Amino acid sequence: MAKNSSVVAVAGPTLHEKLDHRAELRQRLDEVTLEFMHAQETVRRKNSELIEAKAEIGGYLNAEGKLIDQRYQARLEDARTRVEKTQSALEAARKKSSVLKDEINSLERELAQSRGGIKSSEEVLSFQRDIGAARAEVTRTESLLAEQHRRRADAQARLQADERGAERADLAAKVALGEIDDKRLQEFDAETEKRQQAMDGVAAEVLPIIEAADSAIAGLERRLEAARRALSDLEAKRPAVLSMYFYSLVEVEGARYLELAHDLNDSYLKLMALDDLIDGNTLRSDFHQPMMEIPNFDLNAHQPLGSQAEKWMLYKPGRADFDKARGKLIDQMRALGIEIDLAGC
């Protein structure tokens, strides 16, 4: 009996993983392109140094390649040493430039292949829902934060600072001057004591509210910062999402375009061949041989097509294509038993 076997499906990359990968590719491409430009500048500079060093060597030698004066021996050796070092540095720069160019080509190919990574509108709609949820989180957190600030302000307003110190000082001065009785000062102090006891009670009730609000505000501010950052990151990815989805649609339409272009080209050549078999200029609206051109697109499905000289042209039939279509049509007619006199065609 065969053992039970199970196939474990490997989940493909998520939309956000695709987007992050494309962002990494673009960042690396920018970095490598900058390195390549620096390497190219090094190659140019070392080439110039090499030419100068070789020219200096030539200045110390005669037509037979011998030293023209022994006094130049040390200078000649120094120039030769510089030539060797410069040649070595030039070769290293060229190798680095070549490696960087290969990496640039590889990154550009990978970016081109990944540009149509969104195959369905549902992925786009799901991404838009993510943005909506992130925006709602920002709004909700802002509302909660505003509420905590209001609670704290309300609680703080209940705490009134005791500003009766100046009033007591004035009363004490009047007592000292004999303007009022000491009893009035005692009454003031008793009243102040009652007020302070009442304030202590309010403080015992209000301070925990203020502390809780402060703690909540600190946490909500961090939460809001993270929510805004998440929303900003999603918004920044939106153009790439739409671009990737549109490219997917482009590839689908491009495949359809390819089929139609192939059929149109075949039909055009067949009409031209039939026209030639009739009398050579019956169907054409212009006396001159018409030229049909079907443009190419920068699509994965179209890359192998188009001539080396005109890659932008998907189909541009020439004389050889016409002769081939004409021969094929004649063979089809003869297969049907129809006799064709080529001398009259």
Protein backbone atom coordinates (compact mmCIF):
# COMPACT_ATOMS: atom_id res chain seq x y z
CA MET A 1 0.00 0.00 0.00
CA ALA A 2 1.33 3.39 -0.95
CA LYS A 3 1.99 5.72 1.91
CA ASN A 4 -0.09 8.84 2.20
CA SER A 5 1.74 11.85 0.86
CA SER A 6 0.93 15.48 1.23
CA VAL A 7 2.02 18.39 -0.91
CA VAL A 8 2.96 21.48 1.04
CA ALA A 9 2.07 24.59 -0.92
CA VAL A 10 4.73 27.26 -0.75
CA ALA A 11 3.13 30.65 -0.44
CA GLY A 12 4.38 33.24 -2.88
CA PRO A 13 5.63 36.62 -1.78
CA THR A 14 3.00 39.01 -0.47
CA LEU A 15 2.26 42.30 -2.18
CA HIS A 16 4.25 44.22 0.41
CA GLU A 17 7.19 41.83 0.02
CA LYS A 18 7.09 42.42 -3.75
CA LEU A 19 7.02 46.17 -3.21
CA ASP A 20 9.86 46.05 -0.68
CA HIS A 21 11.90 43.87 -3.05
CA ARG A 22 11.39 46.33 -5.91
CA ALA A 23 12.39 49.22 -3.64
CA GLU A 24 15.55 47.33 -2.64
CA LEU A 25 16.34 46.65 -6.30
CA ARG A 26 15.91 50.32 -7.19
CA GLN A 27 18.04 51.47 -4.27
CA ARG A 28 20.79 49.00 -5.15
CA LEU A 29 20.59 50.04 -8.82
CA ASP A 30 21.07 53.69 -7.84
CA GLU A 31 24.04 52.76 -5.64
CA VAL A 32 25.69 50.59 -8.29
CA THR A 33 25.10 53.20 -10.99
CA LEU A 34 26.88 55.79 -8.85
CA GLU A 35 29.76 53.36 -8.23
CA PHE A 36 29.93 52.67 -11.96
CA MET A 37 30.18 56.39 -12.75
CA HIS A 38 33.04 56.74 -10.27
CA ALA A 39 34.79 53.69 -11.76
CA GLN A 40 34.42 55.14 -15.25
CA GLU A 41 35.93 58.42 -14.04
CA THR A 42 38.84 56.46 -12.54
CA VAL A 43 39.37 54.70 -15.88
CA ARG A 44 39.41 58.05 -17.69
CA ARG A 45 41.85 59.58 -15.18
CA LYS A 46 44.22 56.61 -15.21
CA ASN A 47 44.19 56.59 -19.01
CA SER A 48 45.32 60.21 -18.99
CA GLU A 49 48.02 59.49 -16.41
CA LEU A 50 49.25 56.54 -18.46
CA ILE A 51 49.49 58.63 -21.62
CA GLU A 52 51.44 61.32 -19.76
CA ALA A 53 53.85 58.80 -18.19
CA LYS A 54 54.50 57.09 -21.53
CA ALA A 55 55.06 60.46 -23.19
CA GLU A 56 57.60 61.31 -20.49
CA ILE A 57 59.46 58.03 -21.14
CA GLY A 58 59.57 58.86 -24.84
CA GLY A 59 61.18 62.18 -24.05
CA TYR A 60 64.18 60.44 -22.45
CA LEU A 61 64.83 58.02 -25.36
CA ASN A 62 66.24 58.47 -28.84
CA ALA A 63 64.92 56.98 -32.08
CA GLU A 64 66.59 53.63 -31.25
CA GLY A 65 64.93 53.57 -27.84
CA LYS A 66 68.15 54.27 -25.95
CA LEU A 67 68.64 56.78 -23.15
CA ILE A 68 69.75 60.10 -24.65
CA ASP A 69 71.57 61.20 -21.50
CA GLN A 70 72.64 59.20 -18.42
CA ARG A 71 71.52 62.07 -16.22
CA TYR A 72 67.91 61.06 -17.05
CA GLN A 73 68.33 57.46 -15.86
CA ALA A 74 66.62 58.01 -12.48
CA ARG A 75 63.79 59.98 -14.08
CA LEU A 76 63.34 57.26 -16.70
CA GLU A 77 63.07 54.55 -14.06
CA ASP A 78 60.61 56.63 -12.08
CA ALA A 79 58.44 57.16 -15.18
CA ARG A 80 58.54 53.43 -15.98
CA THR A 81 57.49 52.60 -12.42
CA ARG A 82 54.59 55.05 -12.73
CA VAL A 83 53.56 53.45 -16.00
CA GLU A 84 53.46 49.99 -14.39
CA LYS A 85 51.47 51.20 -11.40
CA THR A 86 49.09 53.19 -13.57
CA GLN A 87 48.54 50.24 -15.92
CA SER A 88 47.77 48.04 -12.93
CA ALA A 89 45.34 50.60 -11.48
CA LEU A 90 43.76 51.10 -14.90
CA GLU A 91 43.18 47.37 -15.34
CA ALA A 92 41.65 47.11 -11.84
CA ALA A 93 39.34 50.05 -12.59
CA ARG A 94 38.29 48.49 -15.89
CA LYS A 95 37.51 45.17 -14.19
CA LYS A 96 35.51 46.92 -11.48
CA SER A 97 33.66 48.93 -14.11
CA SER A 98 32.84 45.74 -16.03
CA VAL A 99 31.57 43.96 -12.91
CA LEU A 100 29.42 46.96 -11.98
CA LYS A 101 28.03 47.19 -15.50
CA ASP A 102 27.06 43.52 -15.37
CA GLU A 103 25.31 44.08 -12.04
CA ILE A 104 23.47 47.08 -13.45
CA ASN A 105 22.25 45.01 -16.40
CA SER A 106 21.18 42.22 -14.05
CA LEU A 107 19.30 44.62 -11.76
CA GLU A 108 17.58 46.28 -14.71
CA ARG A 109 16.47 42.88 -16.03
CA GLU A 110 15.15 41.84 -12.62
CA LEU A 111 13.28 45.12 -12.26
CA ALA A 112 11.76 44.68 -15.72
CA GLN A 113 10.67 41.14 -14.87
CA SER A 114 9.12 42.22 -11.56
CA ARG A 115 7.28 45.26 -12.86
CA GLY A 116 4.11 43.28 -13.60
CA GLY A 117 3.96 41.47 -10.27
CA ILE A 118 0.29 42.23 -9.49
CA LYS A 119 -2.00 39.91 -11.42
CA SER A 120 -5.46 40.81 -10.13
CA SER A 121 -7.46 43.87 -9.22
CA GLU A 122 -8.21 42.28 -5.84
CA GLU A 123 -4.59 42.84 -4.79
CA VAL A 124 -4.97 46.52 -5.62
CA LEU A 125 -8.29 46.72 -3.76
CA SER A 126 -6.77 44.91 -0.78
CA PHE A 127 -3.90 47.42 -0.77
CA GLN A 128 -6.39 50.29 -0.87
CA ARG A 129 -8.21 48.75 2.09
CA ASP A 130 -4.88 48.68 3.93
CA ILE A 131 -4.50 52.41 3.27
CA GLY A 132 -8.07 53.02 4.47
CA ALA A 133 -7.42 51.06 7.66
CA ALA A 134 -4.16 52.92 8.26
CA ARG A 135 -5.88 56.28 7.72
CA ALA A 136 -8.68 55.27 10.11
CA GLU A 137 -6.08 54.28 12.72
CA VAL A 138 -4.47 57.72 12.46
CA THR A 139 -7.85 59.45 12.81
CA ARG A 140 -8.88 57.26 15.76
CA THR A 141 -5.58 57.80 17.57
CA GLU A 142 -5.72 61.56 16.98
CA SER A 143 -9.24 61.60 18.47
CA LEU A 144 -8.16 59.60 21.55
CA LEU A 145 -5.15 61.85 22.04
CA ALA A 146 -7.30 64.98 21.85
CA GLU A 147 -9.68 63.47 24.42
CA GLN A 148 -6.82 62.81 26.85
CA HIS A 149 -5.58 66.38 26.43
CA ARG A 150 -9.09 67.63 27.24
CA ARG A 151 -9.32 65.43 30.37
CA ARG A 152 -5.97 66.68 31.57
CA ALA A 153 -6.89 70.33 30.95
CA ASP A 154 -10.19 69.92 32.79
CA ALA A 155 -8.48 68.28 35.76
CA GLN A 156 -5.73 70.89 35.83
CA ALA A 157 -8.34 73.67 35.87
CA ARG A 158 -9.73 72.30 39.15
CA LEU A 159 -6.41 72.93 40.87
CA GLN A 160 -6.37 76.59 41.90
CA ALA A 161 -3.12 77.96 43.28
CA ASP A 162 -3.39 79.75 46.64
CA GLU A 163 -2.85 83.42 45.83
CA ARG A 164 -3.87 84.75 49.31
CA GLY A 165 -0.30 85.26 50.54
CA ALA A 166 -0.21 88.94 49.57
CA GLU A 167 -3.61 89.53 51.17
CA ARG A 168 -2.43 88.02 54.50
CA ALA A 169 0.70 90.17 54.41
CA ASP A 170 -1.44 93.27 54.05
CA LEU A 171 -3.61 92.20 57.02
CA ALA A 172 -0.54 91.50 59.15
CA ALA A 173 0.78 94.96 58.35
CA LYS A 174 -2.51 96.55 59.45
CA VAL A 175 -2.43 94.57 62.71
CA ALA A 176 1.10 95.83 63.37
CA LEU A 177 0.02 99.38 62.71
CA GLY A 178 -2.97 98.96 65.01
CA GLU A 179 -5.42 99.62 62.25
CA ILE A 180 -7.29 96.34 62.79
CA ASP A 181 -7.68 93.84 65.55
CA ASP A 182 -5.55 90.65 65.64
CA LYS A 183 -8.78 88.66 65.58
CA ARG A 184 -9.28 89.58 61.91
CA LEU A 185 -5.95 87.95 61.03
CA GLN A 186 -6.87 84.81 62.99
CA GLU A 187 -10.17 84.57 61.11
CA PHE A 188 -8.32 84.92 57.83
CA ASP A 189 -5.91 82.10 58.75
CA ALA A 190 -8.82 79.86 59.80
CA GLU A 191 -10.55 80.52 56.49
CA THR A 192 -7.31 79.85 54.60
CA GLU A 193 -6.91 76.53 56.44
CA LYS A 194 -10.40 75.44 55.39
CA ARG A 195 -9.67 76.43 51.80
CA GLN A 196 -6.40 74.47 51.85
CA GLN A 197 -8.14 71.36 53.21
CA ALA A 198 -10.70 71.62 50.42
CA MET A 199 -7.89 72.02 47.86
CA ASP A 200 -6.08 69.00 49.29
CA GLY A 201 -9.22 66.95 48.74
CA VAL A 202 -9.52 68.16 45.15
CA ALA A 203 -5.83 67.43 44.55
CA ALA A 204 -6.22 63.88 45.89
CA GLU A 205 -9.00 63.36 43.37
CA VAL A 206 -7.49 65.23 40.42
CA LEU A 207 -3.77 64.32 40.47
CA PRO A 208 -4.35 60.62 39.60
CA ILE A 209 -6.46 61.78 36.64
CA ILE A 210 -3.65 64.06 35.46
CA GLU A 211 -1.03 61.32 35.89
CA ALA A 212 -3.16 58.81 33.98
CA ALA A 213 -3.76 61.34 31.22
CA ASP A 214 -0.03 62.14 30.98
CA SER A 215 0.78 58.45 30.67
CA ALA A 216 -1.93 57.90 28.06
CA ILE A 217 -0.80 60.97 26.10
CA ALA A 218 2.79 59.73 25.96
CA GLY A 219 1.69 56.32 24.73
CA LEU A 220 -0.81 57.70 22.23
CA GLU A 221 1.75 60.12 20.80
CA ARG A 222 4.10 57.21 20.10
CA ARG A 223 1.20 55.23 18.67
CA LEU A 224 0.18 58.17 16.49
CA GLU A 225 3.71 58.64 15.19
CA ALA A 226 3.87 54.95 14.23
CA ALA A 227 0.41 55.09 12.62
CA ARG A 228 1.32 58.16 10.57
CA ARG A 229 4.57 56.56 9.50
CA ALA A 230 2.72 53.39 8.44
CA LEU A 231 0.20 55.45 6.47
CA SER A 232 2.97 57.46 4.83
CA ASP A 233 4.79 54.27 3.82
CA LEU A 234 1.61 52.87 2.25
CA GLU A 235 0.86 56.10 0.41
CA ALA A 236 4.41 56.12 -0.94
CA LYS A 237 3.87 52.60 -2.34
CA ARG A 238 0.58 53.43 -4.06
CA PRO A 239 2.16 54.55 -7.41
CA ALA A 240 4.21 51.35 -7.55
CA VAL A 241 1.13 49.22 -6.86
CA LEU A 242 -0.81 50.85 -9.69
CA SER A 243 2.20 50.67 -12.00
CA MET A 244 2.71 46.95 -11.32
CA TYR A 245 -0.97 46.23 -11.87
CA PHE A 246 -1.06 48.25 -15.09
CA TYR A 247 2.03 46.44 -16.34
CA SER A 248 0.26 43.13 -15.71
CA LEU A 249 -2.63 44.36 -17.82
CA VAL A 250 -0.16 45.55 -20.43
CA GLU A 251 1.42 42.11 -20.71
CA VAL A 252 -2.01 40.49 -21.17
CA GLU A 253 -3.02 43.04 -23.78
CA GLY A 254 0.42 42.80 -25.33
CA ALA A 255 -0.03 39.07 -25.90
CA ARG A 256 -3.38 39.77 -27.59
CA TYR A 257 -1.78 42.55 -29.64
CA LEU A 258 0.93 40.10 -30.71
CA GLU A 259 -1.62 37.62 -32.05
CA LEU A 260 -3.57 40.32 -33.88
CA ALA A 261 -0.38 41.82 -35.32
CA HIS A 262 0.69 38.40 -36.60
CA ASP A 263 -2.70 37.85 -38.26
CA LEU A 264 -2.71 41.38 -39.68
CA ASN A 265 0.76 40.94 -41.12
CA ASP A 266 -0.22 37.61 -42.72
CA SER A 267 -3.41 39.14 -44.13
CA TYR A 268 -1.52 42.13 -45.50
CA LEU A 269 1.04 39.96 -47.25
CA LYS A 270 -1.69 37.71 -48.67
CA LEU A 271 -3.53 40.73 -50.08
CA MET A 272 -0.30 41.99 -51.59
CA ALA A 273 0.36 38.57 -53.12
CA LEU A 274 -3.18 38.36 -54.53
CA ASP A 275 -2.83 41.87 -55.92
CA ASP A 276 0.36 40.84 -57.64
CA LEU A 277 -1.29 37.74 -59.14
CA ILE A 278 -4.12 39.89 -60.50
CA ASP A 279 -2.07 42.49 -62.31
CA GLY A 280 0.19 44.08 -59.72
CA ASN A 281 -1.69 47.26 -58.94
CA THR A 282 -5.46 46.67 -58.73
CA LEU A 283 -6.12 46.68 -54.99
CA ARG A 284 -3.72 49.37 -53.90
CA SER A 285 -4.98 52.89 -53.37
CA ASP A 286 -1.59 54.31 -54.22
CA PHE A 287 0.55 53.61 -57.27
CA HIS A 288 3.63 53.23 -55.08
CA GLN A 289 4.02 50.04 -53.08
CA PRO A 290 2.48 50.68 -49.68
CA MET A 291 4.50 50.19 -46.53
CA MET A 292 2.84 48.67 -43.49
CA GLU A 293 4.56 49.03 -40.12
CA ILE A 294 3.34 47.52 -36.85
CA PRO A 295 5.22 49.05 -33.91
CA ASN A 296 6.84 46.98 -31.19
CA PHE A 297 6.42 47.58 -27.45
CA ASP A 298 8.80 47.21 -24.55
CA LEU A 299 7.09 44.07 -23.27
CA ASN A 300 8.45 40.76 -22.09
CA ALA A 301 6.43 38.90 -24.75
CA HIS A 302 7.78 41.15 -27.52
CA GLN A 303 11.48 41.09 -26.64
CA PRO A 304 12.52 38.29 -29.02
CA LEU A 305 10.79 40.04 -31.92
CA GLY A 306 11.79 42.94 -34.10
CA SER A 307 14.92 43.16 -36.20
CA GLN A 308 18.30 44.13 -34.79
CA ALA A 309 18.25 47.29 -36.90
CA GLU A 310 14.68 48.25 -36.02
CA LYS A 311 13.78 46.76 -32.65
CA TRP A 312 10.96 49.26 -32.34
CA MET A 313 9.18 47.55 -35.26
CA LEU A 314 7.20 44.39 -34.57
CA TYR A 315 6.43 43.83 -38.24
CA LYS A 316 7.80 45.72 -41.21
CA PRO A 317 7.45 43.35 -44.14
CA GLY A 318 9.95 43.68 -46.94
CA ARG A 319 10.51 42.15 -50.34
CA ALA A 320 11.62 38.79 -48.95
CA ASP A 321 8.44 38.54 -46.85
CA PHE A 322 6.32 39.39 -49.88
CA ASP A 323 8.07 36.80 -52.08
CA LYS A 324 7.57 34.16 -49.39
CA ALA A 325 3.85 34.98 -49.05
CA ARG A 326 3.44 34.97 -52.84
CA GLY A 327 5.12 31.58 -53.15
CA LYS A 328 2.97 30.16 -50.36
CA LEU A 329 -0.20 31.42 -52.06
CA ILE A 330 0.80 29.92 -55.42
CA ASP A 331 1.52 26.57 -53.73
CA GLN A 332 -1.95 26.68 -52.10
CA MET A 333 -3.61 27.42 -55.46
CA ARG A 334 -1.77 24.60 -57.18
CA ALA A 335 -2.70 22.23 -54.34
CA LEU A 336 -6.32 22.99 -55.20
CA GLY A 337 -5.60 22.09 -58.83
CA ILE A 338 -5.62 25.66 -60.08
CA GLU A 339 -3.09 26.22 -62.83
CA ILE A 340 -1.13 29.44 -62.56
CA ASP A 341 0.99 30.82 -65.34
CA LEU A 342 3.83 32.60 -63.57
CA ALA A 343 4.91 34.18 -66.81
CA GLY A 344 1.72 36.19 -66.82
CA CYS A 345 1.92 37.17 -63.17
